[in-house]
Protein backbone atom coordinates (compact mmCIF):
# COMPACT_ATOMS: atom_id res chain seq x y z
CA MET A 1 0.00 0.00 0.00
CA LEU A 2 1.51 3.29 -1.13
CA ILE A 3 0.00 6.65 -0.06
CA ALA A 4 1.31 9.91 -1.52
CA GLN A 5 1.00 13.00 0.68
CA LEU A 6 0.72 16.49 -0.80
CA SER A 7 -0.12 19.63 1.14
CA ASP A 8 -1.11 23.29 1.04
CA PRO A 9 -1.73 23.84 -2.68
CA HIS A 10 -3.71 27.08 -2.01
CA VAL A 11 -5.67 26.81 -5.25
CA THR A 12 -7.30 30.07 -6.25
CA THR A 13 -8.84 31.88 -9.22
CA GLY A 14 -8.15 35.13 -11.01
CA PRO A 15 -4.76 36.76 -11.68
CA LEU A 16 -2.96 34.71 -8.99
CA ALA A 17 -4.32 31.33 -10.08
CA ALA A 18 -1.44 30.16 -12.27
CA ASP A 19 1.25 29.37 -9.70
CA PRO A 20 -0.87 27.30 -7.28
CA ALA A 21 -2.48 25.35 -10.13
CA SER A 22 0.92 24.72 -11.68
CA GLY A 23 2.36 23.45 -8.41
CA LEU A 24 -0.50 21.00 -7.89
CA HIS A 25 -0.48 19.84 -11.52
CA ARG A 26 3.24 19.15 -11.39
CA ALA A 27 3.02 17.25 -8.10
CA LEU A 28 0.17 15.08 -9.38
CA GLY A 29 2.15 14.41 -12.54
CA THR A 30 5.08 13.27 -10.43
CA VAL A 31 2.81 10.92 -8.49
CA LEU A 32 1.74 9.27 -11.74
CA ALA A 33 5.37 8.87 -12.80
CA LEU A 34 6.39 7.05 -9.62
CA ARG A 35 7.14 3.33 -9.84
CA PRO A 36 5.56 1.61 -8.13
CA ARG A 37 2.61 3.95 -8.55
CA PRO A 38 0.90 5.07 -5.32
CA ASP A 39 -2.53 3.67 -4.54
CA CYS A 40 -3.96 7.04 -3.55
CA VAL A 41 -3.13 10.66 -2.74
CA VAL A 42 -4.00 12.65 0.37
CA ILE A 43 -3.78 16.47 0.39
CA THR A 44 -3.37 17.64 3.97
CA GLY A 45 -5.20 20.94 4.03
CA ASP A 46 -5.20 24.52 2.79
CA LEU A 47 -6.73 23.18 -0.39
CA THR A 48 -7.67 26.72 -1.44
CA ALA A 49 -6.33 30.17 -0.70
CA ASN A 50 -9.56 31.75 0.56
CA GLY A 51 -12.21 29.02 0.83
CA ARG A 52 -14.39 30.51 -1.92
CA PRO A 53 -16.79 28.29 -3.88
CA ASP A 54 -15.11 29.17 -7.18
CA GLU A 55 -11.76 28.02 -5.78
CA TYR A 56 -13.18 24.59 -4.95
CA LEU A 57 -14.56 24.38 -8.47
CA ALA A 58 -11.04 25.13 -9.73
CA LEU A 59 -9.67 22.42 -7.45
CA ARG A 60 -12.25 19.98 -8.77
CA GLU A 61 -11.13 20.71 -12.32
CA ILE A 62 -7.59 19.70 -11.36
CA VAL A 63 -8.24 16.58 -9.28
CA GLY A 64 -11.47 15.44 -10.94
CA ALA A 65 -9.77 13.80 -13.89
CA PHE A 66 -6.86 12.38 -11.88
CA PRO A 67 -6.81 8.58 -12.33
CA LEU A 68 -5.95 7.78 -8.70
CA PRO A 69 -8.16 8.37 -5.64
CA VAL A 70 -7.54 11.78 -4.05
CA HIS A 71 -8.57 12.37 -0.43
CA LEU A 72 -8.99 15.92 0.85
CA VAL A 73 -8.29 17.41 4.28
CA THR A 74 -9.48 20.80 5.54
CA GLY A 75 -7.02 23.52 6.57
CA ASN A 76 -7.34 26.98 8.10
CA HIS A 77 -7.57 28.57 4.63
CA ASP A 78 -10.55 26.38 3.74
CA ASP A 79 -14.28 26.76 4.20
CA ARG A 80 -16.01 23.60 5.35
CA GLU A 81 -19.40 24.31 3.81
CA SER A 82 -17.95 25.23 0.42
CA LEU A 83 -15.81 22.10 0.46
CA LEU A 84 -18.81 19.91 1.24
CA ASP A 85 -20.94 21.64 -1.39
CA THR A 86 -18.38 20.82 -4.08
CA PHE A 87 -17.00 17.45 -2.96
CA GLY A 88 -19.68 16.02 -0.68
CA GLY A 89 -20.79 12.56 -1.77
CA THR A 90 -17.68 12.07 -3.91
CA PRO A 91 -14.74 9.69 -3.33
CA CYS A 92 -12.63 12.71 -2.33
CA LEU A 93 -14.52 12.67 0.98
CA ALA A 94 -15.03 8.90 1.05
CA GLY A 95 -18.48 9.28 -0.46
CA GLY A 96 -19.85 11.13 2.55
CA PHE A 97 -20.78 14.65 3.59
CA SER A 98 -18.39 15.11 6.48
CA ALA A 99 -14.94 16.69 6.53
CA HIS A 100 -13.68 13.95 8.86
CA TYR A 101 -13.90 10.41 7.55
CA HIS A 102 -11.98 7.19 7.13
CA VAL A 103 -11.19 4.98 4.16
CA ASP A 104 -10.65 1.25 4.62
CA LEU A 105 -7.95 0.59 2.05
CA PRO A 106 -7.00 -3.03 1.31
CA ASP A 107 -3.89 -2.97 3.51
CA ALA A 108 -4.32 0.15 5.64
CA THR A 109 -6.83 2.51 7.19
CA LEU A 110 -6.63 6.15 6.13
CA VAL A 111 -8.21 8.44 8.73
CA VAL A 112 -8.83 12.10 7.85
CA LEU A 113 -9.47 14.60 10.65
CA ASP A 114 -10.98 18.08 10.40
CA SER A 115 -9.01 20.60 12.48
CA LEU A 116 -10.54 23.70 10.86
CA THR A 117 -11.66 26.35 13.35
CA PRO A 118 -13.55 29.08 11.45
CA GLY A 119 -12.03 32.51 11.93
CA SER A 120 -8.82 31.20 13.49
CA PRO A 121 -5.48 30.21 11.94
CA GLY A 122 -5.09 27.58 14.64
CA GLY A 123 -6.87 24.26 14.76
CA ARG A 124 -8.99 22.16 17.11
CA LEU A 125 -10.55 18.70 16.79
CA GLY A 126 -12.99 18.69 19.72
CA ASP A 127 -14.13 15.91 22.03
CA GLU A 128 -16.72 14.49 19.64
CA GLN A 129 -14.27 14.05 16.77
CA LEU A 130 -11.63 12.59 19.07
CA ALA A 131 -14.13 10.02 20.35
CA TRP A 132 -15.00 9.18 16.75
CA LEU A 133 -11.28 8.71 15.97
CA ASP A 134 -10.89 6.40 18.97
CA GLY A 135 -13.75 4.25 17.71
CA VAL A 136 -12.45 4.10 14.14
CA LEU A 137 -8.97 3.06 15.27
CA ALA A 138 -10.38 0.44 17.61
CA GLY A 139 -12.51 -1.00 14.83
CA ARG A 140 -9.61 -2.22 12.68
CA THR A 141 -6.46 -3.14 14.59
CA ASP A 142 -5.04 -5.69 12.16
CA ALA A 143 -3.95 -3.11 9.55
CA PRO A 144 -1.69 -0.04 9.75
CA ALA A 145 -3.52 3.23 10.29
CA VAL A 146 -2.40 6.59 8.87
CA VAL A 147 -4.00 9.63 10.52
CA CYS A 148 -4.10 12.86 8.49
CA LEU A 149 -4.92 16.40 9.58
CA HIS A 150 -3.77 19.92 8.72
CA HIS A 151 -2.46 21.36 11.98
CA PRO A 152 0.59 19.50 13.36
CA PRO A 153 0.08 18.48 17.00
CA VAL A 154 3.67 19.31 18.04
CA ALA A 155 5.69 22.48 18.57
CA VAL A 156 8.46 22.84 15.98
CA GLY A 157 10.37 25.86 17.28
CA VAL A 158 8.83 28.42 14.92
CA PRO A 159 6.99 30.70 17.40
CA GLY A 160 4.52 32.15 14.93
CA MET A 161 3.50 28.71 13.69
CA ASP A 162 3.52 27.08 17.13
CA ALA A 163 1.04 29.76 18.24
CA MET A 164 -1.40 28.59 15.57
CA GLY A 165 -1.00 24.84 16.04
CA LEU A 166 -3.49 22.24 17.25
CA ALA A 167 -5.13 23.39 20.48
CA ASP A 168 -6.06 19.90 21.69
CA ALA A 169 -2.82 18.18 20.70
CA GLU A 170 -2.51 16.43 24.06
CA ALA A 171 -5.97 14.91 23.70
CA LEU A 172 -5.06 13.66 20.21
CA ALA A 173 -1.84 12.17 21.59
CA ALA A 174 -3.83 10.30 24.23
CA VAL A 175 -6.05 8.73 21.57
CA VAL A 176 -3.24 7.86 19.18
CA GLY A 177 -1.14 6.46 22.02
CA ARG A 178 -3.84 3.89 22.79
CA HIS A 179 -3.55 2.40 19.29
CA PRO A 180 -0.10 1.01 18.45
CA HIS A 181 -1.14 0.22 14.87
CA VAL A 182 -1.12 3.96 14.06
CA VAL A 183 2.09 4.07 12.06
CA ARG A 184 1.99 7.65 10.84
CA VAL A 185 0.40 11.02 11.58
CA ALA A 186 0.60 13.27 8.50
CA ALA A 187 0.07 17.03 8.62
CA GLY A 188 0.71 20.25 6.68
CA HIS A 189 0.38 23.92 7.70
CA LEU A 190 4.10 24.56 8.30
CA HIS A 191 5.11 24.95 4.63
CA ARG A 192 8.18 22.87 5.41
CA GLN A 193 9.03 19.24 5.94
CA VAL A 194 9.35 18.17 9.58
CA THR A 195 9.65 14.74 11.15
CA SER A 196 8.98 14.27 14.86
CA ALA A 197 8.11 11.60 17.38
CA PHE A 198 4.48 11.86 18.47
CA ALA A 199 2.44 9.67 20.84
CA GLY A 200 4.59 6.60 20.22
CA THR A 201 4.52 6.96 16.46
CA VAL A 202 5.95 9.37 13.86
CA LEU A 203 4.60 12.72 12.67
CA THR A 204 5.56 14.07 9.25
CA THR A 205 4.58 17.37 7.67
CA ALA A 206 4.76 18.19 3.96
CA PRO A 207 5.74 21.61 2.52
CA SER A 208 3.40 23.76 0.48
CA LEU A 209 3.00 22.99 -3.22
CA ASP A 210 2.33 26.63 -4.04
CA PRO A 211 5.48 28.10 -5.66
CA GLY A 212 4.47 31.59 -4.53
CA GLU A 213 4.08 30.69 -0.85
CA PRO A 214 6.93 31.54 1.53
CA ASP A 215 8.43 29.11 3.97
CA HIS A 216 8.25 30.18 7.60
CA ASP A 217 11.54 31.04 9.22
CA ARG A 218 12.58 30.36 12.79
CA ARG A 219 11.30 33.74 13.98
CA GLY A 220 7.83 32.77 12.83
CA GLY A 221 7.72 35.17 9.92
CA ALA A 222 7.73 34.56 6.20
CA GLY A 223 10.88 33.31 4.61
CA VAL A 224 12.07 33.61 1.04
CA ARG A 225 9.50 33.32 -1.71
CA ARG A 226 10.55 30.96 -4.47
CA ARG A 227 9.99 32.09 -8.02
CA ALA A 228 8.17 29.53 -10.10
CA ASP A 229 10.75 29.69 -12.89
CA ARG A 230 13.51 28.72 -10.45
CA LEU A 231 11.77 25.64 -9.11
CA PRO A 232 13.06 22.18 -9.96
CA ALA A 233 11.13 20.09 -12.43
CA ALA A 234 10.21 17.39 -9.93
CA PRO A 235 9.21 17.55 -6.26
CA HIS A 236 11.23 16.12 -3.43
CA ARG A 237 10.24 12.59 -2.50
CA ARG A 238 10.65 10.89 0.84
CA ARG A 239 9.31 7.41 1.44
CA TRP A 240 8.38 5.96 4.79
CA LEU A 241 7.55 2.29 5.23
CA CYS A 242 4.91 1.79 7.88
CA ASP A 243 4.61 -1.82 8.98
CA ALA A 244 2.10 -3.10 11.55
CA HIS A 245 2.36 -6.83 12.24
CA ARG A 246 0.75 -9.07 14.83
CA PRO A 247 1.75 -12.72 15.32
CA GLY A 248 -0.48 -15.13 13.46
CA GLN A 249 -1.81 -12.45 11.11
CA PRO A 250 -0.64 -11.54 7.60
CA ARG A 251 1.89 -8.73 7.44
CA ARG A 252 0.43 -5.50 6.07
CA ARG A 253 2.46 -2.50 5.09
CA ALA A 254 1.66 1.07 4.15
CA HIS A 255 4.15 3.46 2.58
CA LEU A 256 3.76 7.23 2.91
CA LEU A 257 5.44 9.34 0.25
CA VAL A 258 5.84 12.99 1.25
CA LEU A 259 6.09 15.18 -1.85
CA SER A 260 6.81 18.89 -2.16
CA ARG A 261 7.81 21.38 -4.81
CA ARG A 262 11.51 21.01 -3.97
CA CYS A 263 13.80 18.20 -5.08
CA SER A 264 17.09 17.17 -3.51
CA GLY A 265 17.60 14.34 -5.96
CA THR A 266 17.50 11.76 -3.19
CA SER A 267 14.88 9.51 -1.66
CA ARG A 268 15.16 8.19 1.86
CA THR A 269 13.41 5.19 3.33
CA ALA A 270 12.76 4.33 6.98
CA ARG A 271 11.44 1.11 8.43
CA ILE A 272 8.87 1.43 11.18
CA CYS A 273 7.87 -1.39 13.56
CA THR A 274 10.71 -3.63 12.45
CA PRO A 275 10.70 -6.76 14.63
CA PRO A 276 13.98 -7.05 16.60
CA GLY A 277 16.60 -9.06 14.77
CA SER A 278 14.87 -8.90 11.41
CA THR A 279 16.33 -7.73 8.13
CA GLY A 280 14.88 -4.47 6.94
CA ILE A 281 15.57 -0.86 6.08
CA CYS A 282 16.80 1.15 9.01
CA GLY A 283 16.40 4.81 9.82
CA ALA A 284 19.60 5.69 7.97
CA GLY A 285 18.08 4.46 4.72
CA ALA A 286 20.51 1.55 4.33
CA HIS A 287 19.76 -2.17 4.26
CA ARG A 288 21.04 -3.74 7.47
CA ALA A 289 20.60 -7.14 9.02
CA GLY A 290 19.62 -7.37 12.67
CA CYS A 291 18.62 -3.75 13.11
CA ALA A 292 18.28 -3.53 16.90
CA ARG A 293 16.17 -1.23 18.99
CA THR A 294 17.86 1.46 20.98
CA PRO A 295 18.38 0.10 24.54
CA GLY A 296 15.58 1.26 26.75
CA ALA A 297 13.53 2.68 23.91
CA GLY A 298 11.12 -0.26 23.79
CA THR A 299 8.69 -0.91 21.00
CA ALA A 300 7.35 2.63 21.06
CA GLY A 301 10.85 4.00 20.68
CA HIS A 302 11.47 1.80 17.68
CA ARG A 303 8.17 2.84 16.14
CA ALA A 304 9.20 6.46 16.63
CA GLY A 305 12.24 5.93 14.43
CA ARG A 306 15.03 5.75 17.05
CA PHE A 307 17.37 3.09 15.70
CA ARG A 308 20.75 1.62 16.47
CA CYS A 309 22.18 -0.19 13.43
């Protein structure tokens, strides 16, 4: 199972429409060129720039003809009602009319959360949605689960962004921590790629696809804007192998590919939940035999990517 993550395309209309549309088109084209080809794509929020109905129609024009399933996540730039008006009842929202939903893929469960708080750049899930998440995760424990939302539930050292993070991050951590088959939490919002331990698993964020959007510097302000004509032809790719295995049950794996508009020319792979003493791909991206857990880290530490090879 291969899941490609994109984030923050900020699709819009009018004079500023070209760059965001180009960034999303190019990223989707790269997804199709990957071998093996991903099974689906998830876009982790800020789907549009302003949440206007015409922007969601523009987004639908881009993703509607895409040959792979595309799953959409709300962000602080989005408008929930406009999203549901355009994509409700379609596979982009798992055929339903809710911005939080889950998709039972053949070898994994994709869970999409809605952290949008109208009128605020920060996010919140709320008790009702967290209880729903707990029930969904408890309902299928024999397959890896990937949880997607827009606002990252960790502080990353960028004060301006940390101030507009997920308000109930601790409550989310409590839910995720009860379910060891959650092998990845995927988020956006930061406009940069970050990897962090979270609730016994791993959190990854994907940068913005919009060539005109700045990255956020350490002071919390806007960094350098990248001109579209200076961008590389292919986005950066990072692959994570998420493996949840229980004795006596078939092994199921889910890969998460994090794609952005930047390309370093390299692809790195990490093995999650590797049984002690097995042969796999370690955190350094190299094939090693007998990759051992860090002493004292325990299973949770190994799932969080702390390796000794």
